[in-house]
Amino acid sequence: MRREFSRKTRSQAFARSRGNCEACGARLMPGKFRYDHILPDALGGEPTLENCKVQCVTCDAPKTAADVTRIRKADRQRDKHTGAYERKKWPKQIRRPAPPQRRATAPLSKPLPPRRFT
């Protein structure tokens, strides 16, 4: 279960940022910023002021994508350690014999007319 920041923590983080993105320094617009966990909650990050970062949506999107990648890798490692994860093995494909190769030119059905030299 994801633990969100409390109202008090969010107000303290916003006051600390002075209305600017803590990643790029851009001015924060209402509804265009997020309170982000520095260490994701799924990886053990606590919902504290020290772990809170105020970011604009532009800075938060790539970080969130990277966080999701790290979280999924940690999930796979944990599952592999506990024996719950097994890599899928694809069944071997049935190999059919290749069709016979054709010649570069097909034999002519009727002979060519004689050449005329002038």
PDB file of N, CA and C in Angstrom:
ATOM      1  N   MET A   1       0.839  -1.184   0.000  1.00  0.00           N
ATOM      2  CA  MET A   1       0.000   0.000   0.000  1.00  0.00           C
ATOM      3  C   MET A   1       0.882   1.245   0.000  1.00  0.00           C
ATOM      4  N   ARG A   2       0.581   2.165  -0.866  1.00  0.00           N
ATOM      5  CA  ARG A   2       1.364   3.395  -0.994  1.00  0.00           C
ATOM      6  C   ARG A   2       1.014   4.353   0.131  1.00  0.00           C
ATOM      7  N   ARG A   3       2.051   4.908   0.727  1.00  0.00           N
ATOM      8  CA  ARG A   3       1.847   5.880   1.801  1.00  0.00           C
ATOM      9  C   ARG A   3       2.102   7.281   1.251  1.00  0.00           C
ATOM     10  N   GLU A   4       1.094   8.120   1.323  1.00  0.00           N
ATOM     11  CA  GLU A   4       1.183   9.487   0.811  1.00  0.00           C
ATOM     12  C   GLU A   4       1.732  10.421   1.894  1.00  0.00           C
ATOM     13  N   PHE A   5       2.179  11.587   1.454  1.00  0.00           N
ATOM     14  CA  PHE A   5       2.664  12.595   2.390  1.00  0.00           C
ATOM     15  C   PHE A   5       1.483  13.234   3.108  1.00  0.00           C
ATOM     16  N   SER A   6       1.683  13.569   4.374  1.00  0.00           N
ATOM     17  CA  SER A   6       0.624  14.244   5.122  1.00  0.00           C
ATOM     18  C   SER A   6       0.495  15.689   4.649  1.00  0.00           C
ATOM     19  N   ARG A   7      -0.600  16.325   5.014  1.00  0.00           N
ATOM     20  CA  ARG A   7      -0.822  17.719   4.627  1.00  0.00           C
ATOM     21  C   ARG A   7       0.284  18.608   5.207  1.00  0.00           C
ATOM     22  N   LYS A   8       0.684  18.329   6.430  1.00  0.00           N
ATOM     23  CA  LYS A   8       1.734  19.113   7.083  1.00  0.00           C
ATOM     24  C   LYS A   8       3.060  18.969   6.330  1.00  0.00           C
ATOM     25  N   THR A   9       3.402  17.738   5.949  1.00  0.00           N
ATOM     26  CA  THR A   9       4.651  17.499   5.214  1.00  0.00           C
ATOM     27  C   THR A   9       4.628  18.198   3.866  1.00  0.00           C
ATOM     28  N   ARG A  10       3.490  18.135   3.172  1.00  0.00           N
ATOM     29  CA  ARG A  10       3.385  18.815   1.867  1.00  0.00           C
ATOM     30  C   ARG A  10       3.525  20.320   2.014  1.00  0.00           C
ATOM     31  N   SER A  11       2.907  20.909   3.038  1.00  0.00           N
ATOM     32  CA  SER A  11       3.011  22.366   3.208  1.00  0.00           C
ATOM     33  C   SER A  11       4.440  22.769   3.580  1.00  0.00           C
ATOM     34  N   GLN A  12       5.119  21.962   4.389  1.00  0.00           N
ATOM     35  CA  GLN A  12       6.511  22.264   4.736  1.00  0.00           C
ATOM     36  C   GLN A  12       7.425  22.139   3.517  1.00  0.00           C
ATOM     37  N   ALA A  13       7.172  21.128   2.676  1.00  0.00           N
ATOM     38  CA  ALA A  13       7.990  20.944   1.474  1.00  0.00           C
ATOM     39  C   ALA A  13       7.776  22.100   0.491  1.00  0.00           C
ATOM     40  N   PHE A  14       6.539  22.546   0.357  1.00  0.00           N
ATOM     41  CA  PHE A  14       6.265  23.665  -0.548  1.00  0.00           C
ATOM     42  C   PHE A  14       6.926  24.940  -0.023  1.00  0.00           C
ATOM     43  N   ALA A  15       6.883  25.152   1.299  1.00  0.00           N
ATOM     44  CA  ALA A  15       7.537  26.328   1.885  1.00  0.00           C
ATOM     45  C   ALA A  15       9.050  26.255   1.661  1.00  0.00           C
ATOM     46  N   ARG A  16       9.620  25.054   1.797  1.00  0.00           N
ATOM     47  CA  ARG A  16      11.056  24.867   1.585  1.00  0.00           C
ATOM     48  C   ARG A  16      11.432  25.181   0.140  1.00  0.00           C
ATOM     49  N   SER A  17      10.565  24.824  -0.818  1.00  0.00           N
ATOM     50  CA  SER A  17      10.881  25.042  -2.232  1.00  0.00           C
ATOM     51  C   SER A  17      10.681  26.489  -2.668  1.00  0.00           C
ATOM     52  N   ARG A  18       9.959  27.279  -1.866  1.00  0.00           N
ATOM     53  CA  ARG A  18       9.671  28.687  -2.171  1.00  0.00           C
ATOM     54  C   ARG A  18       8.959  28.850  -3.510  1.00  0.00           C
ATOM     55  N   GLY A  19       8.125  27.867  -3.857  1.00  0.00           N
ATOM     56  CA  GLY A  19       7.333  27.968  -5.080  1.00  0.00           C
ATOM     57  C   GLY A  19       8.086  27.631  -6.345  1.00  0.00           C
ATOM     58  N   ASN A  20       9.270  27.024  -6.217  1.00  0.00           N
ATOM     59  CA  ASN A  20      10.067  26.637  -7.379  1.00  0.00           C
ATOM     60  C   ASN A  20      10.271  25.122  -7.383  1.00  0.00           C
ATOM     61  N   CYS A  21      10.442  24.575  -8.571  1.00  0.00           N
ATOM     62  CA  CYS A  21      10.725  23.149  -8.714  1.00  0.00           C
ATOM     63  C   CYS A  21      12.091  22.869  -8.096  1.00  0.00           C
ATOM     64  N   GLU A  22      12.168  21.847  -7.260  1.00  0.00           N
ATOM     65  CA  GLU A  22      13.440  21.524  -6.612  1.00  0.00           C
ATOM     66  C   GLU A  22      14.378  20.750  -7.528  1.00  0.00           C
ATOM     67  N   ALA A  23      13.922  20.398  -8.723  1.00  0.00           N
ATOM     68  CA  ALA A  23      14.785  19.704  -9.683  1.00  0.00           C
ATOM     69  C   ALA A  23      15.388  20.672 -10.695  1.00  0.00           C
ATOM     70  N   CYS A  24      14.549  21.528 -11.292  1.00  0.00           N
ATOM     71  CA  CYS A  24      15.046  22.413 -12.358  1.00  0.00           C
ATOM     72  C   CYS A  24      14.981  23.894 -11.986  1.00  0.00           C
ATOM     73  N   GLY A  25      14.249  24.249 -10.936  1.00  0.00           N
ATOM     74  CA  GLY A  25      14.163  25.637 -10.509  1.00  0.00           C
ATOM     75  C   GLY A  25      13.058  26.441 -11.164  1.00  0.00           C
ATOM     76  N   ALA A  26      12.236  25.804 -12.005  1.00  0.00           N
ATOM     77  CA  ALA A  26      11.143  26.514 -12.686  1.00  0.00           C
ATOM     78  C   ALA A  26      10.066  26.916 -11.678  1.00  0.00           C
ATOM     79  N   ARG A  27       9.354  27.975 -11.995  1.00  0.00           N
ATOM     80  CA  ARG A  27       8.257  28.433 -11.140  1.00  0.00           C
ATOM     81  C   ARG A  27       7.126  27.415 -11.166  1.00  0.00           C
ATOM     82  N   LEU A  28       6.593  27.043 -10.010  1.00  0.00           N
ATOM     83  CA  LEU A  28       5.516  26.055  -9.932  1.00  0.00           C
ATOM     84  C   LEU A  28       4.171  26.722 -10.165  1.00  0.00           C
ATOM     85  N   MET A  29       3.389  26.141 -11.047  1.00  0.00           N
ATOM     86  CA  MET A  29       2.059  26.638 -11.356  1.00  0.00           C
ATOM     87  C   MET A  29       1.036  25.765 -10.630  1.00  0.00           C
ATOM     88  N   PRO A  30      -0.080  26.328 -10.201  1.00  0.00           N
ATOM     89  CA  PRO A  30      -1.089  25.527  -9.503  1.00  0.00           C
ATOM     90  C   PRO A  30      -1.558  24.335 -10.347  1.00  0.00           C
ATOM     91  N   GLY A  31      -1.530  23.152  -9.754  1.00  0.00           N
ATOM     92  CA  GLY A  31      -1.951  21.939 -10.440  1.00  0.00           C
ATOM     93  C   GLY A  31      -0.920  21.355 -11.382  1.00  0.00           C
ATOM     94  N   LYS A  32       0.237  21.981 -11.525  1.00  0.00           N
ATOM     95  CA  LYS A  32       1.270  21.520 -12.455  1.00  0.00           C
ATOM     96  C   LYS A  32       2.522  21.041 -11.725  1.00  0.00           C
ATOM     97  N   PHE A  33       2.371  20.610 -10.474  1.00  0.00           N
ATOM     98  CA  PHE A  33       3.518  20.094  -9.740  1.00  0.00           C
ATOM     99  C   PHE A  33       3.074  18.908  -8.888  1.00  0.00           C
ATOM    100  N   ARG A  34       4.078  18.147  -8.421  1.00  0.00           N
ATOM    101  CA  ARG A  34       3.810  16.946  -7.633  1.00  0.00           C
ATOM    102  C   ARG A  34       4.780  16.864  -6.467  1.00  0.00           C
ATOM    103  N   TYR A  35       4.329  16.188  -5.424  1.00  0.00           N
ATOM    104  CA  TYR A  35       5.188  15.884  -4.283  1.00  0.00           C
ATOM    105  C   TYR A  35       5.705  14.469  -4.510  1.00  0.00           C
ATOM    106  N   ASP A  36       7.010  14.350  -4.709  1.00  0.00           N
ATOM    107  CA  ASP A  36       7.598  13.081  -5.115  1.00  0.00           C
ATOM    108  C   ASP A  36       8.464  12.504  -4.003  1.00  0.00           C
ATOM    109  N   HIS A  37       8.431  11.163  -3.865  1.00  0.00           N
ATOM    110  CA  HIS A  37       9.338  10.476  -2.948  1.00  0.00           C
ATOM    111  C   HIS A  37      10.727  10.444  -3.594  1.00  0.00           C
ATOM    112  N   ILE A  38      11.746  10.873  -2.887  1.00  0.00           N
ATOM    113  CA  ILE A  38      13.112  10.777  -3.413  1.00  0.00           C
ATOM    114  C   ILE A  38      13.474   9.301  -3.534  1.00  0.00           C
ATOM    115  N   LEU A  39      13.290   8.550  -2.448  1.00  0.00           N
ATOM    116  CA  LEU A  39      13.403   7.098  -2.476  1.00  0.00           C
ATOM    117  C   LEU A  39      11.978   6.574  -2.538  1.00  0.00           C
ATOM    118  N   PRO A  40      11.599   5.898  -3.618  1.00  0.00           N
ATOM    119  CA  PRO A  40      10.206   5.486  -3.783  1.00  0.00           C
ATOM    120  C   PRO A  40       9.672   4.696  -2.591  1.00  0.00           C
ATOM    121  N   ASP A  41       8.409   4.864  -2.342  1.00  0.00           N
ATOM    122  CA  ASP A  41       7.738   4.188  -1.233  1.00  0.00           C
ATOM    123  C   ASP A  41       7.869   2.672  -1.366  1.00  0.00           C
ATOM    124  N   ALA A  42       7.799   2.161  -2.576  1.00  0.00           N
ATOM    125  CA  ALA A  42       7.890   0.720  -2.803  1.00  0.00           C
ATOM    126  C   ALA A  42       9.278   0.173  -2.516  1.00  0.00           C
ATOM    127  N   LEU A  43      10.289   1.043  -2.492  1.00  0.00           N
ATOM    128  CA  LEU A  43      11.658   0.616  -2.192  1.00  0.00           C
ATOM    129  C   LEU A  43      12.062   0.968  -0.765  1.00  0.00           C
ATOM    130  N   GLY A  44      11.083   1.317   0.062  1.00  0.00           N
ATOM    131  CA  GLY A  44      11.361   1.572   1.472  1.00  0.00           C
ATOM    132  C   GLY A  44      11.412   3.032   1.857  1.00  0.00           C
ATOM    133  N   GLY A  45      11.067   3.941   0.966  1.00  0.00           N
ATOM    134  CA  GLY A  45      11.076   5.368   1.280  1.00  0.00           C
ATOM    135  C   GLY A  45       9.928   5.736   2.208  1.00  0.00           C
ATOM    136  N   GLU A  46      10.217   6.513   3.203  1.00  0.00           N
ATOM    137  CA  GLU A  46       9.212   6.934   4.182  1.00  0.00           C
ATOM    138  C   GLU A  46       8.536   8.224   3.716  1.00  0.00           C
ATOM    139  N   PRO A  47       7.301   8.466   4.130  1.00  0.00           N
ATOM    140  CA  PRO A  47       6.622   9.720   3.774  1.00  0.00           C
ATOM    141  C   PRO A  47       7.009  10.845   4.741  1.00  0.00           C
ATOM    142  N   THR A  48       8.295  11.225   4.714  1.00  0.00           N
ATOM    143  CA  THR A  48       8.805  12.276   5.594  1.00  0.00           C
ATOM    144  C   THR A  48       9.240  13.480   4.773  1.00  0.00           C
ATOM    145  N   LEU A  49       9.485  14.580   5.456  1.00  0.00           N
ATOM    146  CA  LEU A  49       9.919  15.806   4.784  1.00  0.00           C
ATOM    147  C   LEU A  49      11.274  15.601   4.095  1.00  0.00           C
ATOM    148  N   GLU A  50      12.151  14.818   4.694  1.00  0.00           N
ATOM    149  CA  GLU A  50      13.481  14.582   4.118  1.00  0.00           C
ATOM    150  C   GLU A  50      13.394  13.769   2.820  1.00  0.00           C
ATOM    151  N   ASN A  51      12.346  12.985   2.673  1.00  0.00           N
ATOM    152  CA  ASN A  51      12.185  12.151   1.491  1.00  0.00           C
ATOM    153  C   ASN A  51      11.220  12.774   0.474  1.00  0.00           C
ATOM    154  N   CYS A  52      10.768  13.992   0.726  1.00  0.00           N
ATOM    155  CA  CYS A  52       9.811  14.660  -0.149  1.00  0.00           C
ATOM    156  C   CYS A  52      10.528  15.687  -1.024  1.00  0.00           C
ATOM    157  N   LYS A  53      10.141  15.704  -2.294  1.00  0.00           N
ATOM    158  CA  LYS A  53      10.715  16.660  -3.234  1.00  0.00           C
ATOM    159  C   LYS A  53       9.577  17.240  -4.063  1.00  0.00           C
ATOM    160  N   VAL A  54       9.517  18.558  -4.169  1.00  0.00           N
ATOM    161  CA  VAL A  54       8.479  19.222  -4.955  1.00  0.00           C
ATOM    162  C   VAL A  54       9.024  19.408  -6.363  1.00  0.00           C
ATOM    163  N   GLN A  55       8.312  18.820  -7.357  1.00  0.00           N
ATOM    164  CA  GLN A  55       8.788  18.876  -8.730  1.00  0.00           C
ATOM    165  C   GLN A  55       7.668  19.279  -9.670  1.00  0.00           C
ATOM    166  N   CYS A  56       8.058  19.954 -10.747  1.00  0.00           N
ATOM    167  CA  CYS A  56       7.085  20.239 -11.798  1.00  0.00           C
ATOM    168  C   CYS A  56       6.793  18.931 -12.546  1.00  0.00           C
ATOM    169  N   VAL A  57       5.693  18.894 -13.267  1.00  0.00           N
ATOM    170  CA  VAL A  57       5.283  17.674 -13.968  1.00  0.00           C
ATOM    171  C   VAL A  57       6.335  17.258 -14.993  1.00  0.00           C
ATOM    172  N   THR A  58       6.983  18.215 -15.629  1.00  0.00           N
ATOM    173  CA  THR A  58       8.000  17.928 -16.630  1.00  0.00           C
ATOM    174  C   THR A  58       9.182  17.172 -16.036  1.00  0.00           C
ATOM    175  N   CYS A  59       9.598  17.529 -14.828  1.00  0.00           N
ATOM    176  CA  CYS A  59      10.722  16.850 -14.176  1.00  0.00           C
ATOM    177  C   CYS A  59      10.286  15.534 -13.536  1.00  0.00           C
ATOM    178  N   ASP A  60       9.024  15.448 -13.140  1.00  0.00           N
ATOM    179  CA  ASP A  60       8.563  14.269 -12.414  1.00  0.00           C
ATOM    180  C   ASP A  60       8.325  13.073 -13.329  1.00  0.00           C
ATOM    181  N   ALA A  61       7.897  13.286 -14.553  1.00  0.00           N
ATOM    182  CA  ALA A  61       7.552  12.177 -15.452  1.00  0.00           C
ATOM    183  C   ALA A  61       8.733  11.234 -15.717  1.00  0.00           C
ATOM    184  N   PRO A  62       9.921  11.727 -16.123  1.00  0.00           N
ATOM    185  CA  PRO A  62      11.024  10.789 -16.363  1.00  0.00           C
ATOM    186  C   PRO A  62      11.506  10.107 -15.086  1.00  0.00           C
ATOM    187  N   LYS A  63      11.467  10.822 -13.958  1.00  0.00           N
ATOM    188  CA  LYS A  63      11.893  10.213 -12.699  1.00  0.00           C
ATOM    189  C   LYS A  63      10.936   9.096 -12.298  1.00  0.00           C
ATOM    190  N   THR A  64       9.643   9.333 -12.478  1.00  0.00           N
ATOM    191  CA  THR A  64       8.657   8.309 -12.151  1.00  0.00           C
ATOM    192  C   THR A  64       8.854   7.077 -13.023  1.00  0.00           C
ATOM    193  N   ALA A  65       9.130   7.271 -14.313  1.00  0.00           N
ATOM    194  CA  ALA A  65       9.373   6.137 -15.210  1.00  0.00           C
ATOM    195  C   ALA A  65      10.601   5.348 -14.763  1.00  0.00           C
ATOM    196  N   ALA A  66      11.659   6.051 -14.364  1.00  0.00           N
ATOM    197  CA  ALA A  66      12.870   5.372 -13.879  1.00  0.00           C
ATOM    198  C   ALA A  66      12.583   4.640 -12.569  1.00  0.00           C
ATOM    199  N   ASP A  67      11.772   5.260 -11.697  1.00  0.00           N
ATOM    200  CA  ASP A  67      11.415   4.620 -10.433  1.00  0.00           C
ATOM    201  C   ASP A  67      10.635   3.330 -10.671  1.00  0.00           C
ATOM    202  N   VAL A  68       9.713   3.358 -11.616  1.00  0.00           N
ATOM    203  CA  VAL A  68       8.919   2.162 -11.913  1.00  0.00           C
ATOM    204  C   VAL A  68       9.829   1.039 -12.391  1.00  0.00           C
ATOM    205  N   THR A  69      10.819   1.365 -13.211  1.00  0.00           N
ATOM    206  CA  THR A  69      11.770   0.364 -13.689  1.00  0.00           C
ATOM    207  C   THR A  69      12.528  -0.246 -12.519  1.00  0.00           C
ATOM    208  N   ARG A  70      13.004   0.591 -11.605  1.00  0.00           N
ATOM    209  CA  ARG A  70      13.739   0.098 -10.431  1.00  0.00           C
ATOM    210  C   ARG A  70      12.855  -0.759  -9.536  1.00  0.00           C
ATOM    211  N   ILE A  71      11.596  -0.358  -9.356  1.00  0.00           N
ATOM    212  CA  ILE A  71      10.672  -1.105  -8.503  1.00  0.00           C
ATOM    213  C   ILE A  71      10.394  -2.474  -9.108  1.00  0.00           C
ATOM    214  N   ARG A  72      10.149  -2.536 -10.417  1.00  0.00           N
ATOM    215  CA  ARG A  72       9.870  -3.814 -11.059  1.00  0.00           C
ATOM    216  C   ARG A  72      11.081  -4.748 -11.000  1.00  0.00           C
ATOM    217  N   LYS A  73      12.285  -4.183 -11.135  1.00  0.00           N
ATOM    218  CA  LYS A  73      13.486  -5.012 -11.036  1.00  0.00           C
ATOM    219  C   LYS A  73      13.615  -5.574  -9.629  1.00  0.00           C
ATOM    220  N   ALA A  74      13.352  -4.752  -8.618  1.00  0.00           N
ATOM    221  CA  ALA A  74      13.402  -5.225  -7.237  1.00  0.00           C
ATOM    222  C   ALA A  74      12.359  -6.313  -6.998  1.00  0.00           C
ATOM    223  N   ASP A  75      11.172  -6.154  -7.602  1.00  0.00           N
ATOM    224  CA  ASP A  75      10.126  -7.179  -7.482  1.00  0.00           C
ATOM    225  C   ASP A  75      10.592  -8.497  -8.095  1.00  0.00           C
ATOM    226  N   ARG A  76      11.214  -8.438  -9.276  1.00  0.00           N
ATOM    227  CA  ARG A  76      11.699  -9.657  -9.924  1.00  0.00           C
ATOM    228  C   ARG A  76      12.787 -10.328  -9.104  1.00  0.00           C
ATOM    229  N   GLN A  77      13.710  -9.524  -8.551  1.00  0.00           N
ATOM    230  CA  GLN A  77      14.780 -10.088  -7.744  1.00  0.00           C
ATOM    231  C   GLN A  77      14.229 -10.747  -6.485  1.00  0.00           C
ATOM    232  N   ARG A  78      13.261 -10.097  -5.840  1.00  0.00           N
ATOM    233  CA  ARG A  78      12.648 -10.672  -4.644  1.00  0.00           C
ATOM    234  C   ARG A  78      11.923 -11.968  -4.987  1.00  0.00           C
ATOM    235  N   ASP A  79      11.159 -11.946  -6.082  1.00  0.00           N
ATOM    236  CA  ASP A  79      10.428 -13.138  -6.481  1.00  0.00           C
ATOM    237  C   ASP A  79      11.366 -14.279  -6.863  1.00  0.00           C
ATOM    238  N   LYS A  80      12.471 -13.949  -7.520  1.00  0.00           N
ATOM    239  CA  LYS A  80      13.435 -14.978  -7.892  1.00  0.00           C
ATOM    240  C   LYS A  80      14.066 -15.588  -6.640  1.00  0.00           C
ATOM    241  N   HIS A  81      14.356 -14.753  -5.670  1.00  0.00           N
ATOM    242  CA  HIS A  81      14.959 -15.229  -4.425  1.00  0.00           C
ATOM    243  C   HIS A  81      14.008 -16.152  -3.657  1.00  0.00           C
ATOM    244  N   THR A  82      12.721 -15.833  -3.674  1.00  0.00           N
ATOM    245  CA  THR A  82      11.751 -16.647  -2.947  1.00  0.00           C
ATOM    246  C   THR A  82      11.251 -17.820  -3.777  1.00  0.00           C
ATOM    247  N   GLY A  83      11.637 -17.892  -5.051  1.00  0.00           N
ATOM    248  CA  GLY A  83      11.228 -18.994  -5.905  1.00  0.00           C
ATOM    249  C   GLY A  83       9.905 -18.770  -6.600  1.00  0.00           C
ATOM    250  N   ALA A  84       9.351 -17.582  -6.497  1.00  0.00           N
ATOM    251  CA  ALA A  84       8.058 -17.308  -7.117  1.00  0.00           C
ATOM    252  C   ALA A  84       8.198 -16.889  -8.568  1.00  0.00           C
ATOM    253  N   TYR A  85       9.375 -16.501  -8.986  1.00  0.00           N
ATOM    254  CA  TYR A  85       9.582 -16.013 -10.355  1.00  0.00           C
ATOM    255  C   TYR A  85      10.288 -17.082 -11.157  1.00  0.00           C
ATOM    256  N   GLU A  86       9.738 -17.371 -12.300  1.00  0.00           N
ATOM    257  CA  GLU A  86      10.371 -18.314 -13.205  1.00  0.00           C
ATOM    258  C   GLU A  86      10.328 -17.711 -14.593  1.00  0.00           C
ATOM    259  N   ARG A  87      11.472 -17.637 -15.216  1.00  0.00           N
ATOM    260  CA  ARG A  87      11.532 -17.056 -16.553  1.00  0.00           C
ATOM    261  C   ARG A  87      10.761 -17.944 -17.519  1.00  0.00           C
ATOM    262  N   LYS A  88       9.975 -17.320 -18.365  1.00  0.00           N
ATOM    263  CA  LYS A  88       9.168 -18.072 -19.318  1.00  0.00           C
ATOM    264  C   LYS A  88      10.067 -18.705 -20.367  1.00  0.00           C
ATOM    265  N   LYS A  89       9.826 -19.962 -20.607  1.00  0.00           N
ATOM    266  CA  LYS A  89      10.561 -20.662 -21.652  1.00  0.00           C
ATOM    267  C   LYS A  89       9.607 -20.883 -22.809  1.00  0.00           C
ATOM    268  N   TRP A  90       9.967 -20.390 -23.949  1.00  0.00           N
ATOM    269  CA  TRP A  90       9.114 -20.505 -25.112  1.00  0.00           C
ATOM    270  C   TRP A  90       9.263 -21.894 -25.704  1.00  0.00           C
ATOM    271  N   PRO A  91       8.163 -22.484 -26.159  1.00  0.00           N
ATOM    272  CA  PRO A  91       8.264 -23.819 -26.766  1.00  0.00           C
ATOM    273  C   PRO A  91       9.048 -23.742 -28.067  1.00  0.00           C
ATOM    274  N   LYS A  92       9.747 -24.820 -28.345  1.00  0.00           N
ATOM    275  CA  LYS A  92      10.519 -24.848 -29.590  1.00  0.00           C
ATOM    276  C   LYS A  92       9.562 -24.860 -30.771  1.00  0.00           C
ATOM    277  N   GLN A  93       9.917 -24.125 -31.769  1.00  0.00           N
ATOM    278  CA  GLN A  93       9.072 -24.055 -32.953  1.00  0.00           C
ATOM    279  C   GLN A  93       9.233 -25.321 -33.782  1.00  0.00           C
ATOM    280  N   ILE A  94       8.157 -25.733 -34.398  1.00  0.00           N
ATOM    281  CA  ILE A  94       8.216 -26.887 -35.280  1.00  0.00           C
ATOM    282  C   ILE A  94       8.904 -26.442 -36.558  1.00  0.00           C
ATOM    283  N   ARG A  95       9.979 -27.117 -36.882  1.00  0.00           N
ATOM    284  CA  ARG A  95      10.727 -26.730 -38.072  1.00  0.00           C
ATOM    285  C   ARG A  95      10.203 -27.504 -39.276  1.00  0.00           C
ATOM    286  N   ARG A  96       9.782 -26.769 -40.244  1.00  0.00           N
ATOM    287  CA  ARG A  96       9.315 -27.371 -41.487  1.00  0.00           C
ATOM    288  C   ARG A  96      10.458 -27.340 -42.494  1.00  0.00           C
ATOM    289  N   PRO A  97      10.502 -28.326 -43.363  1.00  0.00           N
ATOM    290  CA  PRO A  97      11.582 -28.291 -44.353  1.00  0.00           C
ATOM    291  C   PRO A  97      11.419 -27.088 -45.287  1.00  0.00           C
ATOM    292  N   ALA A  98      12.539 -26.524 -45.646  1.00  0.00           N
ATOM    293  CA  ALA A  98      12.513 -25.360 -46.520  1.00  0.00           C
ATOM    294  C   ALA A  98      12.043 -25.775 -47.907  1.00  0.00           C
ATOM    295  N   PRO A  99      11.329 -24.879 -48.585  1.00  0.00           N
ATOM    296  CA  PRO A  99      10.907 -25.230 -49.944  1.00  0.00           C
ATOM    297  C   PRO A  99      12.134 -25.360 -50.845  1.00  0.00           C
ATOM    298  N   PRO A 100      12.038 -26.166 -51.894  1.00  0.00           N
ATOM    299  CA  PRO A 100      13.203 -26.331 -52.767  1.00  0.00           C
ATOM    300  C   PRO A 100      13.589 -25.001 -53.405  1.00  0.00           C
ATOM    301  N   GLN A 101      14.883 -24.814 -53.539  1.00  0.00           N
ATOM    302  CA  GLN A 101      15.349 -23.555 -54.119  1.00  0.00           C
ATOM    303  C   GLN A 101      15.109 -23.562 -55.619  1.00  0.00           C
ATOM    304  N   ARG A 102      14.850 -22.394 -56.122  1.00  0.00           N
ATOM    305  CA  ARG A 102      14.587 -22.259 -57.550  1.00  0.00           C
ATOM    306  C   ARG A 102      15.848 -21.772 -58.253  1.00  0.00           C
ATOM    307  N   ARG A 103      15.864 -21.992 -59.538  1.00  0.00           N
ATOM    308  CA  ARG A 103      16.986 -21.484 -60.325  1.00  0.00           C
ATOM    309  C   ARG A 103      16.842 -19.982 -60.509  1.00  0.00           C
ATOM    310  N   ALA A 104      17.934 -19.359 -60.849  1.00  0.00           N
ATOM    311  CA  ALA A 104      17.899 -17.918 -61.103  1.00  0.00           C
ATOM    312  C   ALA A 104      17.021 -17.592 -62.302  1.00  0.00           C
ATOM    313  N   THR A 105      17.049 -18.448 -63.334  1.00  0.00           N
ATOM    314  CA  THR A 105      16.185 -18.259 -64.502  1.00  0.00           C
ATOM    315  C   THR A 105      15.426 -19.544 -64.744  1.00  0.00           C
ATOM    316  N   ALA A 106      14.209 -19.411 -65.086  1.00  0.00           N
ATOM    317  CA  ALA A 106      13.384 -20.593 -65.377  1.00  0.00           C
ATOM    318  C   ALA A 106      13.622 -21.021 -66.823  1.00  0.00           C
ATOM    319  N   PRO A 107      13.537 -22.296 -67.091  1.00  0.00           N
ATOM    320  CA  PRO A 107      13.710 -22.729 -68.489  1.00  0.00           C
ATOM    321  C   PRO A 107      12.575 -22.190 -69.349  1.00  0.00           C
ATOM    322  N   LEU A 108      12.922 -21.865 -70.604  1.00  0.00           N
ATOM    323  CA  LEU A 108      11.932 -21.312 -71.516  1.00  0.00           C
ATOM    324  C   LEU A 108      11.002 -22.414 -72.021  1.00  0.00           C
ATOM    325  N   SER A 109       9.759 -22.039 -72.198  1.00  0.00           N
ATOM    326  CA  SER A 109       8.792 -23.024 -72.685  1.00  0.00           C
ATOM    327  C   SER A 109       8.908 -23.224 -74.202  1.00  0.00           C
ATOM    328  N   LYS A 110       9.304 -22.203 -74.953  1.00  0.00           N
ATOM    329  CA  LYS A 110       9.506 -22.343 -76.396  1.00  0.00           C
ATOM    330  C   LYS A 110      10.807 -21.638 -76.765  1.00  0.00           C
ATOM    331  N   PRO A 111      11.446 -22.043 -77.836  1.00  0.00           N
ATOM    332  CA  PRO A 111      12.747 -21.461 -78.186  1.00  0.00           C
ATOM    333  C   PRO A 111      12.628 -20.008 -78.646  1.00  0.00           C
ATOM    334  N   LEU A 112      13.708 -19.274 -78.456  1.00  0.00           N
ATOM    335  CA  LEU A 112      13.758 -17.879 -78.891  1.00  0.00           C
ATOM    336  C   LEU A 112      13.861 -17.809 -80.413  1.00  0.00           C
ATOM    337  N   PRO A 113      13.349 -16.745 -81.016  1.00  0.00           N
ATOM    338  CA  PRO A 113      13.525 -16.589 -82.467  1.00  0.00           C
ATOM    339  C   PRO A 113      14.993 -16.324 -82.796  1.00  0.00           C
ATOM    340  N   PRO A 114      15.431 -16.645 -83.999  1.00  0.00           N
ATOM    341  CA  PRO A 114      16.835 -16.418 -84.349  1.00  0.00           C
ATOM    342  C   PRO A 114      17.192 -14.931 -84.347  1.00  0.00           C
ATOM    343  N   ARG A 115      18.416 -14.628 -83.986  1.00  0.00           N
ATOM    344  CA  ARG A 115      18.879 -13.238 -83.940  1.00  0.00           C
ATOM    345  C   ARG A 115      19.185 -12.736 -85.322  1.00  0.00           C
ATOM    346  N   ARG A 116      18.937 -11.478 -85.537  1.00  0.00           N
ATOM    347  CA  ARG A 116      19.255 -10.859 -86.834  1.00  0.00           C
ATOM    348  C   ARG A 116      20.444  -9.930 -86.637  1.00  0.00           C
ATOM    349  N   PHE A 117      21.425 -10.108 -87.424  1.00  0.00           N
ATOM    350  CA  PHE A 117      22.605  -9.242 -87.362  1.00  0.00           C
ATOM    351  C   PHE A 117      22.570  -8.336 -88.592  1.00  0.00           C
ATOM    352  N   THR A 118      22.661  -7.065 -88.426  1.00  0.00           N
ATOM    353  CA  THR A 118      22.667  -6.162 -89.568  1.00  0.00           C
ATOM    354  C   THR A 118      23.930  -5.406 -89.692  1.00  0.00           C
TER     355      THR A 118
END
